[in-house]
C-alpha atoms as a PDB file:
ATOM      1  CA  MET A   1      27.758  21.560   8.733  1.00  0.00           C
ATOM      2  CA  LEU A   2      24.088  22.140   8.042  1.00  0.00           C
ATOM      3  CA  HIS A   3      23.003  25.430   6.469  1.00  0.00           C
ATOM      4  CA  VAL A   4      19.431  26.623   7.039  1.00  0.00           C
ATOM      5  CA  GLY A   5      18.166  29.711   5.248  1.00  0.00           C
ATOM      6  CA  VAL A   6      15.416  31.653   7.029  1.00  0.00           C
ATOM      7  CA  THR A   7      13.494  34.240   5.055  1.00  0.00           C
ATOM      8  CA  GLY A   8      10.164  36.044   4.809  1.00  0.00           C
ATOM      9  CA  GLY A   9       8.614  39.336   3.855  1.00  0.00           C
ATOM     10  CA  LEU A  10       8.515  42.582   5.772  1.00  0.00           C
ATOM     11  CA  ALA A  11       7.295  42.052   9.371  1.00  0.00           C
ATOM     12  CA  SER A  12       6.692  38.341   8.801  1.00  0.00           C
ATOM     13  CA  GLY A  13       8.745  37.344  11.840  1.00  0.00           C
ATOM     14  CA  LYS A  14      11.740  35.758  10.092  1.00  0.00           C
ATOM     15  CA  SER A  15      14.275  37.346  12.434  1.00  0.00           C
ATOM     16  CA  THR A  16      12.261  36.151  15.425  1.00  0.00           C
ATOM     17  CA  VAL A  17      12.399  32.604  14.063  1.00  0.00           C
ATOM     18  CA  ALA A  18      16.129  32.908  13.408  1.00  0.00           C
ATOM     19  CA  ALA A  19      16.659  34.196  16.958  1.00  0.00           C
ATOM     20  CA  ILE A  20      14.705  31.273  18.458  1.00  0.00           C
ATOM     21  CA  LEU A  21      16.783  28.801  16.458  1.00  0.00           C
ATOM     22  CA  SER A  22      19.903  30.544  17.728  1.00  0.00           C
ATOM     23  CA  GLU A  23      18.660  30.164  21.310  1.00  0.00           C
ATOM     24  CA  LEU A  24      18.108  26.461  20.662  1.00  0.00           C
ATOM     25  CA  GLY A  25      21.715  25.975  19.591  1.00  0.00           C
ATOM     26  CA  ALA A  26      22.165  27.166  16.012  1.00  0.00           C
ATOM     27  CA  SER A  27      24.911  29.572  14.971  1.00  0.00           C
ATOM     28  CA  LEU A  28      23.268  32.685  13.539  1.00  0.00           C
ATOM     29  CA  VAL A  29      24.533  34.536  10.467  1.00  0.00           C
ATOM     30  CA  ASP A  30      22.525  37.733   9.994  1.00  0.00           C
ATOM     31  CA  ALA A  31      22.768  38.984   6.405  1.00  0.00           C
ATOM     32  CA  ASP A  32      21.234  42.359   7.265  1.00  0.00           C
ATOM     33  CA  LEU A  33      23.760  42.918  10.039  1.00  0.00           C
ATOM     34  CA  ILE A  34      26.652  41.948   7.774  1.00  0.00           C
ATOM     35  CA  ALA A  35      25.296  44.225   5.030  1.00  0.00           C
ATOM     36  CA  ARG A  36      25.422  47.105   7.519  1.00  0.00           C
ATOM     37  CA  GLU A  37      28.927  46.234   8.668  1.00  0.00           C
ATOM     38  CA  VAL A  38      30.400  46.207   5.148  1.00  0.00           C
ATOM     39  CA  VAL A  39      29.261  49.826   4.602  1.00  0.00           C
ATOM     40  CA  ASP A  40      30.156  51.046   8.093  1.00  0.00           C
ATOM     41  CA  VAL A  41      32.475  53.995   8.601  1.00  0.00           C
ATOM     42  CA  GLY A  42      35.966  53.034   7.449  1.00  0.00           C
ATOM     43  CA  ALA A  43      34.802  49.955   5.538  1.00  0.00           C
ATOM     44  CA  PRO A  44      35.776  49.658   1.843  1.00  0.00           C
ATOM     45  CA  GLY A  45      32.139  49.186   0.951  1.00  0.00           C
ATOM     46  CA  LEU A  46      31.195  52.639   2.187  1.00  0.00           C
ATOM     47  CA  ALA A  47      33.826  54.299   0.030  1.00  0.00           C
ATOM     48  CA  ALA A  48      32.642  52.337  -3.008  1.00  0.00           C
ATOM     49  CA  VAL A  49      28.998  53.312  -2.388  1.00  0.00           C
ATOM     50  CA  ALA A  50      29.909  56.983  -1.972  1.00  0.00           C
ATOM     51  CA  GLU A  51      31.930  56.898  -5.182  1.00  0.00           C
ATOM     52  CA  ALA A  52      29.050  55.297  -7.092  1.00  0.00           C
ATOM     53  CA  PHE A  53      26.175  57.389  -5.694  1.00  0.00           C
ATOM     54  CA  GLY A  54      27.839  60.641  -4.681  1.00  0.00           C
ATOM     55  CA  PRO A  55      28.670  62.356  -1.380  1.00  0.00           C
ATOM     56  CA  GLU A  56      24.987  63.119  -0.796  1.00  0.00           C
ATOM     57  CA  VAL A  57      24.537  59.558   0.511  1.00  0.00           C
ATOM     58  CA  LEU A  58      26.880  60.351   3.413  1.00  0.00           C
ATOM     59  CA  ARG A  59      25.953  62.051   6.672  1.00  0.00           C
ATOM     60  CA  PRO A  60      28.085  64.900   8.070  1.00  0.00           C
ATOM     61  CA  ASP A  61      29.860  62.404  10.341  1.00  0.00           C
ATOM     62  CA  GLY A  62      30.836  60.289   7.328  1.00  0.00           C
ATOM     63  CA  SER A  63      28.382  57.463   7.969  1.00  0.00           C
ATOM     64  CA  LEU A  64      25.954  56.176   5.354  1.00  0.00           C
ATOM     65  CA  ASP A  65      22.683  58.072   5.013  1.00  0.00           C
ATOM     66  CA  ARG A  66      20.460  55.077   4.328  1.00  0.00           C
ATOM     67  CA  ALA A  67      17.378  57.156   3.615  1.00  0.00           C
ATOM     68  CA  ALA A  68      19.223  59.174   0.968  1.00  0.00           C
ATOM     69  CA  LEU A  69      20.610  56.038  -0.617  1.00  0.00           C
ATOM     70  CA  ALA A  70      17.183  54.388  -0.573  1.00  0.00           C
ATOM     71  CA  GLN A  71      15.742  57.342  -2.473  1.00  0.00           C
ATOM     72  CA  GLN A  72      18.295  56.848  -5.236  1.00  0.00           C
ATOM     73  CA  VAL A  73      17.746  53.108  -5.688  1.00  0.00           C
ATOM     74  CA  PHE A  74      14.003  52.846  -5.080  1.00  0.00           C
ATOM     75  CA  ASP A  75      12.181  52.202  -8.373  1.00  0.00           C
ATOM     76  CA  ASP A  76      15.510  52.401 -10.248  1.00  0.00           C
ATOM     77  CA  ASP A  77      16.568  48.914 -11.280  1.00  0.00           C
ATOM     78  CA  ALA A  78      19.909  50.019 -12.686  1.00  0.00           C
ATOM     79  CA  ALA A  79      20.826  51.863  -9.490  1.00  0.00           C
ATOM     80  CA  LEU A  80      19.762  48.893  -7.378  1.00  0.00           C
ATOM     81  CA  ARG A  81      21.870  46.520  -9.485  1.00  0.00           C
ATOM     82  CA  LEU A  82      24.833  48.865  -9.045  1.00  0.00           C
ATOM     83  CA  LEU A  83      24.356  48.918  -5.274  1.00  0.00           C
ATOM     84  CA  ASN A  84      23.937  45.149  -5.083  1.00  0.00           C
ATOM     85  CA  GLY A  85      27.051  44.688  -7.212  1.00  0.00           C
ATOM     86  CA  ILE A  86      29.000  46.574  -4.555  1.00  0.00           C
ATOM     87  CA  VAL A  87      27.453  45.183  -1.392  1.00  0.00           C
ATOM     88  CA  HIS A  88      26.606  41.554  -2.203  1.00  0.00           C
ATOM     89  CA  PRO A  89      30.190  40.352  -2.908  1.00  0.00           C
ATOM     90  CA  LEU A  90      31.331  41.941   0.355  1.00  0.00           C
ATOM     91  CA  VAL A  91      28.483  40.280   2.247  1.00  0.00           C
ATOM     92  CA  ARG A  92      29.357  36.898   0.710  1.00  0.00           C
ATOM     93  CA  GLU A  93      33.010  37.327   1.658  1.00  0.00           C
ATOM     94  CA  GLN A  94      32.178  38.302   5.240  1.00  0.00           C
ATOM     95  CA  THR A  95      29.654  35.457   5.512  1.00  0.00           C
ATOM     96  CA  ARG A  96      32.242  32.906   4.352  1.00  0.00           C
ATOM     97  CA  ALA A  97      34.708  34.232   6.907  1.00  0.00           C
ATOM     98  CA  GLN A  98      32.140  34.041   9.719  1.00  0.00           C
ATOM     99  CA  VAL A  99      31.070  30.508   8.781  1.00  0.00           C
ATOM    100  CA  GLY A 100      34.706  29.453   8.458  1.00  0.00           C
ATOM    101  CA  ARG A 101      35.235  30.157  12.151  1.00  0.00           C
ATOM    102  CA  LEU A 102      32.439  27.778  13.209  1.00  0.00           C
ATOM    103  CA  PRO A 103      32.896  24.105  14.180  1.00  0.00           C
ATOM    104  CA  GLU A 104      32.321  21.579  11.424  1.00  0.00           C
ATOM    105  CA  ASP A 105      29.257  20.086  13.145  1.00  0.00           C
ATOM    106  CA  ALA A 106      27.486  23.449  13.555  1.00  0.00           C
ATOM    107  CA  VAL A 107      23.942  24.137  12.439  1.00  0.00           C
ATOM    108  CA  VAL A 108      24.202  27.500  10.711  1.00  0.00           C
ATOM    109  CA  VAL A 109      21.046  29.587  10.437  1.00  0.00           C
ATOM    110  CA  HIS A 110      21.250  32.323   7.809  1.00  0.00           C
ATOM    111  CA  ASP A 111      18.773  35.173   8.349  1.00  0.00           C
ATOM    112  CA  VAL A 112      18.476  36.435   4.758  1.00  0.00           C
ATOM    113  CA  PRO A 113      15.612  38.698   3.596  1.00  0.00           C
ATOM    114  CA  LEU A 114      16.018  38.110  -0.145  1.00  0.00           C
ATOM    115  CA  ILE A 115      16.532  34.365  -0.569  1.00  0.00           C
ATOM    116  CA  VAL A 116      13.552  34.160  -2.918  1.00  0.00           C
ATOM    117  CA  GLU A 117      14.102  37.439  -4.746  1.00  0.00           C
ATOM    118  CA  ASN A 118      17.748  36.574  -5.449  1.00  0.00           C
ATOM    119  CA  ASP A 119      17.105  32.866  -6.196  1.00  0.00           C
ATOM    120  CA  MET A 120      19.448  31.737  -3.400  1.00  0.00           C
ATOM    121  CA  GLY A 121      17.574  28.649  -2.206  1.00  0.00           C
ATOM    122  CA  ALA A 122      20.066  26.148  -3.625  1.00  0.00           C
ATOM    123  CA  GLN A 123      22.769  27.590  -1.344  1.00  0.00           C
ATOM    124  CA  PHE A 124      21.096  26.090   1.732  1.00  0.00           C
ATOM    125  CA  HIS A 125      20.275  22.562   2.836  1.00  0.00           C
ATOM    126  CA  LEU A 126      16.877  23.767   4.023  1.00  0.00           C
ATOM    127  CA  VAL A 127      14.887  26.936   3.364  1.00  0.00           C
ATOM    128  CA  VAL A 128      12.435  28.036   6.050  1.00  0.00           C
ATOM    129  CA  VAL A 129       9.954  30.704   4.970  1.00  0.00           C
ATOM    130  CA  VAL A 130       8.022  32.621   7.616  1.00  0.00           C
ATOM    131  CA  GLY A 131       4.671  33.847   6.328  1.00  0.00           C
ATOM    132  CA  ALA A 132       1.782  36.028   7.440  1.00  0.00           C
ATOM    133  CA  SER A 133      -1.000  37.818   5.627  1.00  0.00           C
ATOM    134  CA  VAL A 134      -0.410  41.260   4.151  1.00  0.00           C
ATOM    135  CA  ALA A 135      -2.899  42.714   6.620  1.00  0.00           C
ATOM    136  CA  VAL A 136      -1.053  41.288   9.626  1.00  0.00           C
ATOM    137  CA  ARG A 137       2.347  42.309   8.310  1.00  0.00           C
ATOM    138  CA  THR A 138       1.110  45.816   7.533  1.00  0.00           C
ATOM    139  CA  GLU A 139      -0.237  46.215  11.054  1.00  0.00           C
ATOM    140  CA  ARG A 140       3.035  44.994  12.578  1.00  0.00           C
ATOM    141  CA  ALA A 141       5.191  47.231  10.393  1.00  0.00           C
ATOM    142  CA  MET A 142       3.089  50.305  11.132  1.00  0.00           C
ATOM    143  CA  ALA A 143       3.378  49.554  14.847  1.00  0.00           C
ATOM    144  CA  ARG A 144       7.149  49.875  14.357  1.00  0.00           C
ATOM    145  CA  GLY A 145       6.689  53.401  13.029  1.00  0.00           C
ATOM    146  CA  LEU A 146       6.498  52.904   9.263  1.00  0.00           C
ATOM    147  CA  SER A 147       3.811  54.739   7.326  1.00  0.00           C
ATOM    148  CA  GLU A 148       1.113  52.718   5.593  1.00  0.00           C
ATOM    149  CA  SER A 149       2.243  53.924   2.158  1.00  0.00           C
ATOM    150  CA  SER A 150       5.838  52.927   2.917  1.00  0.00           C
ATOM    151  CA  VAL A 151       4.747  49.476   4.076  1.00  0.00           C
ATOM    152  CA  ILE A 152       2.595  48.906   0.998  1.00  0.00           C
ATOM    153  CA  ALA A 153       5.454  49.967  -1.289  1.00  0.00           C
ATOM    154  CA  ARG A 154       7.967  47.705   0.438  1.00  0.00           C
ATOM    155  CA  ILE A 155       5.688  44.685   0.381  1.00  0.00           C
ATOM    156  CA  ALA A 156       4.917  45.264  -3.303  1.00  0.00           C
ATOM    157  CA  ALA A 157       8.652  45.331  -4.082  1.00  0.00           C
ATOM    158  CA  GLN A 158       9.218  41.939  -2.439  1.00  0.00           C
ATOM    159  CA  ALA A 159       8.388  38.433  -3.630  1.00  0.00           C
ATOM    160  CA  ASP A 160       4.777  37.380  -3.188  1.00  0.00           C
ATOM    161  CA  ASP A 161       3.594  34.360  -1.206  1.00  0.00           C
ATOM    162  CA  PRO A 162       3.233  31.997  -4.210  1.00  0.00           C
ATOM    163  CA  ALA A 163       6.888  32.600  -5.104  1.00  0.00           C
ATOM    164  CA  ARG A 164       7.944  32.097  -1.500  1.00  0.00           C
ATOM    165  CA  ARG A 165       5.988  28.849  -1.230  1.00  0.00           C
ATOM    166  CA  LEU A 166       7.815  27.493  -4.286  1.00  0.00           C
ATOM    167  CA  ALA A 167      11.107  28.151  -2.506  1.00  0.00           C
ATOM    168  CA  ALA A 168      10.018  26.868   0.917  1.00  0.00           C
ATOM    169  CA  ASP A 169      11.098  23.497   2.249  1.00  0.00           C
ATOM    170  CA  VAL A 170       9.327  24.574   5.434  1.00  0.00           C
ATOM    171  CA  TRP A 171       6.526  27.154   5.609  1.00  0.00           C
ATOM    172  CA  LEU A 172       5.827  28.638   9.050  1.00  0.00           C
ATOM    173  CA  ASP A 173       2.566  30.529   9.444  1.00  0.00           C
ATOM    174  CA  ASN A 174       3.104  33.360  11.909  1.00  0.00           C
ATOM    175  CA  GLU A 175      -0.254  34.919  12.571  1.00  0.00           C
ATOM    176  CA  GLY A 176      -0.718  33.623  16.111  1.00  0.00           C
ATOM    177  CA  SER A 177       0.928  34.394  19.423  1.00  0.00           C
ATOM    178  CA  ALA A 178       4.636  34.476  20.183  1.00  0.00           C
ATOM    179  CA  SER A 179       4.261  31.278  22.200  1.00  0.00           C
ATOM    180  CA  ASP A 180       2.559  29.555  19.246  1.00  0.00           C
ATOM    181  CA  LEU A 181       5.466  30.477  16.990  1.00  0.00           C
ATOM    182  CA  ARG A 182       8.057  29.326  19.499  1.00  0.00           C
ATOM    183  CA  ALA A 183       6.354  25.953  19.904  1.00  0.00           C
ATOM    184  CA  VAL A 184       6.391  25.355  16.147  1.00  0.00           C
ATOM    185  CA  VAL A 185      10.030  26.439  15.810  1.00  0.00           C
ATOM    186  CA  GLU A 186      11.076  24.196  18.702  1.00  0.00           C
ATOM    187  CA  LEU A 187       9.334  21.261  17.026  1.00  0.00           C
ATOM    188  CA  LEU A 188      11.062  22.059  13.717  1.00  0.00           C
ATOM    189  CA  TRP A 189      14.415  22.155  15.495  1.00  0.00           C
ATOM    190  CA  ARG A 190      13.901  18.932  17.416  1.00  0.00           C
ATOM    191  CA  ALA A 191      12.160  16.849  14.770  1.00  0.00           C
ATOM    192  CA  ARG A 192      13.834  17.950  11.568  1.00  0.00           C
ATOM    193  CA  ILE A 193      16.838  20.258  11.808  1.00  0.00           C
ATOM    194  CA  VAL A 194      18.807  18.403  14.483  1.00  0.00           C
ATOM    195  CA  PRO A 195      18.241  14.929  12.935  1.00  0.00           C
ATOM    196  CA  PHE A 196      19.138  16.334   9.506  1.00  0.00           C
ATOM    197  CA  ALA A 197      22.402  17.733  10.864  1.00  0.00           C
ATOM    198  CA  GLU A 198      23.231  14.507  12.703  1.00  0.00           C
ATOM    199  CA  ASN A 199      22.448  12.369   9.652  1.00  0.00           C
ATOM    200  CA  LEU A 200      24.599  14.535   7.410  1.00  0.00           C
ATOM    201  CA  SER A 201      27.491  14.518   9.873  1.00  0.00           C
ATOM    202  CA  SER A 202      27.414  10.734  10.320  1.00  0.00           C
ATOM    203  CA  GLY A 203      26.714   9.855   6.694  1.00  0.00           C
ATOM    204  CA  GLN A 204      23.283   8.438   7.496  1.00  0.00           C
ATOM    205  CA  TRP A 205      20.326   8.851   5.155  1.00  0.00           C
ATOM    206  CA  ALA A 206      16.774   9.568   6.297  1.00  0.00           C
ATOM    207  CA  GLU A 207      14.431   6.625   6.638  1.00  0.00           C
ATOM    208  CA  PRO A 208      11.040   7.142   4.970  1.00  0.00           C
ATOM    209  CA  GLY A 209       7.909   6.565   7.004  1.00  0.00           C
ATOM    210  CA  GLU A 210       4.572   5.010   6.122  1.00  0.00           C
ATOM    211  CA  MET A 211       2.266   7.350   4.233  1.00  0.00           C
ATOM    212  CA  ILE A 212      -0.910   8.354   6.039  1.00  0.00           C
ATOM    213  CA  ALA A 213      -2.363   9.973   2.926  1.00  0.00           C
ATOM    214  CA  ALA A 214      -1.118  10.106  -0.626  1.00  0.00           C
ATOM    215  CA  PRO A 215       1.153  13.169  -1.059  1.00  0.00           C
ATOM    216  CA  ASP A 216       0.238  15.733  -3.667  1.00  0.00           C
ATOM    217  CA  PRO A 217       2.290  15.003  -6.841  1.00  0.00           C
ATOM    218  CA  ARG A 218       2.536  18.746  -7.437  1.00  0.00           C
ATOM    219  CA  GLU A 219       4.483  19.051  -4.194  1.00  0.00           C
ATOM    220  CA  TRP A 220       6.810  16.248  -5.284  1.00  0.00           C
ATOM    221  CA  ARG A 221       7.610  18.184  -8.440  1.00  0.00           C
ATOM    222  CA  GLU A 222       8.422  21.386  -6.562  1.00  0.00           C
ATOM    223  CA  GLN A 223      10.436  19.529  -3.931  1.00  0.00           C
ATOM    224  CA  ALA A 224      12.328  17.588  -6.590  1.00  0.00           C
ATOM    225  CA  ASP A 225      13.155  20.803  -8.430  1.00  0.00           C
ATOM    226  CA  ARG A 226      14.660  22.265  -5.259  1.00  0.00           C
ATOM    227  CA  LEU A 227      16.710  19.110  -4.635  1.00  0.00           C
ATOM    228  CA  ALA A 228      17.900  19.071  -8.248  1.00  0.00           C
ATOM    229  CA  ALA A 229      19.061  22.683  -7.994  1.00  0.00           C
ATOM    230  CA  ARG A 230      21.040  21.864  -4.852  1.00  0.00           C
ATOM    231  CA  ILE A 231      22.638  18.792  -6.406  1.00  0.00           C
ATOM    232  CA  GLU A 232      23.696  20.643  -9.534  1.00  0.00           C
ATOM    233  CA  ARG A 233      25.056  23.564  -7.512  1.00  0.00           C
ATOM    234  CA  ALA A 234      26.954  21.255  -5.137  1.00  0.00           C
ATOM    235  CA  THR A 235      28.704  19.571  -8.062  1.00  0.00           C
ATOM    236  CA  ASP A 236      29.182  22.714 -10.190  1.00  0.00           C
ATOM    237  CA  GLY A 237      26.987  21.097 -12.826  1.00  0.00           C
ATOM    238  CA  ALA A 238      28.927  17.820 -12.930  1.00  0.00           C
ATOM    239  CA  VAL A 239      25.718  16.018 -11.966  1.00  0.00           C
ATOM    240  CA  SER A 240      22.705  16.909 -14.105  1.00  0.00           C
ATOM    241  CA  VAL A 241      19.390  15.732 -12.655  1.00  0.00           C
ATOM    242  CA  ARG A 242      17.070  14.627 -15.437  1.00  0.00           C
ATOM    243  CA  GLN A 243      14.205  12.773 -13.751  1.00  0.00           C
ATOM    244  CA  VAL A 244      11.753  13.886 -11.083  1.00  0.00           C
ATOM    245  CA  PRO A 245       9.077  11.878  -9.261  1.00  0.00           C
ATOM    246  CA  PRO A 246       6.524   9.813 -11.128  1.00  0.00           C
ATOM    247  CA  VAL A 247       2.859  10.695 -10.829  1.00  0.00           C
ATOM    248  CA  GLU A 248       2.182   7.886  -8.361  1.00  0.00           C
ATOM    249  CA  GLN A 249       4.268   6.317  -5.626  1.00  0.00           C
ATOM    250  CA  PRO A 250       1.909   3.893  -3.906  1.00  0.00           C
ATOM    251  CA  THR A 251       3.709   2.980  -0.678  1.00  0.00           C
ATOM    252  CA  LEU A 252       6.394   5.384   0.456  1.00  0.00           C
ATOM    253  CA  ASP A 253       6.701   9.149   0.124  1.00  0.00           C
ATOM    254  CA  VAL A 254      10.196   9.068  -1.364  1.00  0.00           C
ATOM    255  CA  ILE A 255      11.306  11.300  -4.201  1.00  0.00           C
ATOM    256  CA  GLU A 256      13.298   9.311  -6.752  1.00  0.00           C
ATOM    257  CA  LEU A 257      15.806  11.239  -8.840  1.00  0.00           C
ATOM    258  CA  ARG A 258      18.081  10.095 -11.638  1.00  0.00           C
ATOM    259  CA  ALA A 259      21.044  11.993 -12.989  1.00  0.00           C
ATOM    260  CA  ASP A 260      23.671  12.016 -15.695  1.00  0.00           C
ATOM    261  CA  PRO A 261      27.028  12.549 -13.942  1.00  0.00           C
ATOM    262  CA  ALA A 262      30.251  13.624 -15.604  1.00  0.00           C
ATOM    263  CA  THR A 263      31.710  10.672 -13.684  1.00  0.00           C
ATOM    264  CA  PRO A 264      29.775   8.050 -11.724  1.00  0.00           C
ATOM    265  CA  ASP A 265      32.642   7.560  -9.264  1.00  0.00           C
ATOM    266  CA  LEU A 266      31.732  10.355  -6.859  1.00  0.00           C
ATOM    267  CA  PRO A 267      33.266  10.382  -3.347  1.00  0.00           C
ATOM    268  CA  PRO A 268      30.960   9.898  -0.337  1.00  0.00           C
ATOM    269  CA  ASP A 269      30.957  13.612   0.536  1.00  0.00           C
ATOM    270  CA  ALA A 270      30.427  14.850  -3.031  1.00  0.00           C
ATOM    271  CA  LEU A 271      26.812  15.811  -2.427  1.00  0.00           C
ATOM    272  CA  GLN A 272      26.991  16.877   1.224  1.00  0.00           C
ATOM    273  CA  ALA A 273      26.358  20.477   0.228  1.00  0.00           C
ATOM    274  CA  ALA A 274      23.068  19.272  -1.252  1.00  0.00           C
ATOM    275  CA  GLY A 275      22.167  17.222   1.830  1.00  0.00           C
ATOM    276  CA  PHE A 276      22.835  13.798   0.269  1.00  0.00           C
ATOM    277  CA  VAL A 277      25.025  10.972   1.584  1.00  0.00           C
ATOM    278  CA  LYS A 278      26.397   8.005  -0.331  1.00  0.00           C
ATOM    279  CA  VAL A 279      24.464   4.757   0.111  1.00  0.00           C
ATOM    280  CA  ARG A 280      26.323   2.574  -2.367  1.00  0.00           C
ATOM    281  CA  GLU A 281      28.055   2.922  -5.704  1.00  0.00           C
ATOM    282  CA  LEU A 282      25.950   5.111  -8.018  1.00  0.00           C
ATOM    283  CA  GLN A 283      23.388   5.911  -5.329  1.00  0.00           C
ATOM    284  CA  PHE A 284      22.957   8.724  -2.818  1.00  0.00           C
ATOM    285  CA  ALA A 285      20.120   9.366  -0.360  1.00  0.00           C
ATOM    286  CA  HIS A 286      18.849  12.524   1.294  1.00  0.00           C
ATOM    287  CA  ALA A 287      19.697  13.049   4.970  1.00  0.00           C
ATOM    288  CA  ASP A 288      16.632  15.220   5.672  1.00  0.00           C
ATOM    289  CA  PRO A 289      14.002  13.263   7.653  1.00  0.00           C
ATOM    290  CA  GLY A 290      11.380  15.701   6.430  1.00  0.00           C
ATOM    291  CA  ARG A 291      12.013  14.914   2.761  1.00  0.00           C
ATOM    292  CA  PRO A 292      13.280  11.379   2.005  1.00  0.00           C
ATOM    293  CA  ALA A 293      14.780  11.153  -1.479  1.00  0.00           C
ATOM    294  CA  VAL A 294      17.082   8.891  -3.469  1.00  0.00           C
ATOM    295  CA  LEU A 295      19.431   9.889  -6.281  1.00  0.00           C
ATOM    296  CA  THR A 296      20.603   7.192  -8.696  1.00  0.00           C
ATOM    297  CA  LEU A 297      23.398   7.941 -11.133  1.00  0.00           C
ATOM    298  CA  ASP A 298      23.381   6.580 -14.658  1.00  0.00           C
ATOM    299  CA  ASP A 299      26.490   4.401 -15.012  1.00  0.00           C
ATOM    300  CA  ASP A 300      26.485   4.854 -18.789  1.00  0.00           C
ATOM    301  CA  ALA A 301      27.025   8.616 -18.585  1.00  0.00           C
ATOM    302  CA  ALA A 302      30.698   8.811 -17.810  1.00  0.00           C
END
């Protein structure tokens, strides 16, 4: 099962991208929708929110008054942490249940607004960030009925583009037409997501291609950091990545990682959650055709 996280700022178009991927064959998990369901009328989450923030966050019909709740948590970090402490575990539980009902070979697209803000990138095999300029996003959001001051405040409260780029395995610029965006998403699906899923399912690693131009070493470092975080999360810290790419790799654009494992005898599927398949003893390779990488384990570490 391949997990793709799709994120982006207010009015960036992330949900549009997630919807297109769903049309192409992915199974969609909408974090916003789940977050609403867990505080719906009769849900345990609603009772917990009302207990924490008072009856004034409820409407006369017993449903959640989102505007009233937003007033309490906006610009109040402690209140926001309290709310997140109630809602996020329920969202995780519901997400696990929804994913658990899917076939093992599914491509699961998670539409999650706060992947960057909550440092969730390592939970996914691939993070797709949808971006657009502040001016474009402001115009779109105001066309939906939000005031300019509200839009500015919301954008300021979210991660900025440099932070999102650090988290992005794929960055999709969405300042053109709807047809432009669809064409790019269809290419991403066909050329990267589907082969990644098939490689992971069959235990096949991605073959590196010839370099047209020397990759930027700074990108290697960022990409390696993301892969390392996924590896360490997949193994609950049993594999500690300690080496990232050298400054120069003259022939192939392949990230080479080394790690100190608690045990070098890892099963073939040990790193599937990180997108890696076993090549041979002490060596795993990335299944993502868009980011070839090799992980070699130190046999002296056990």
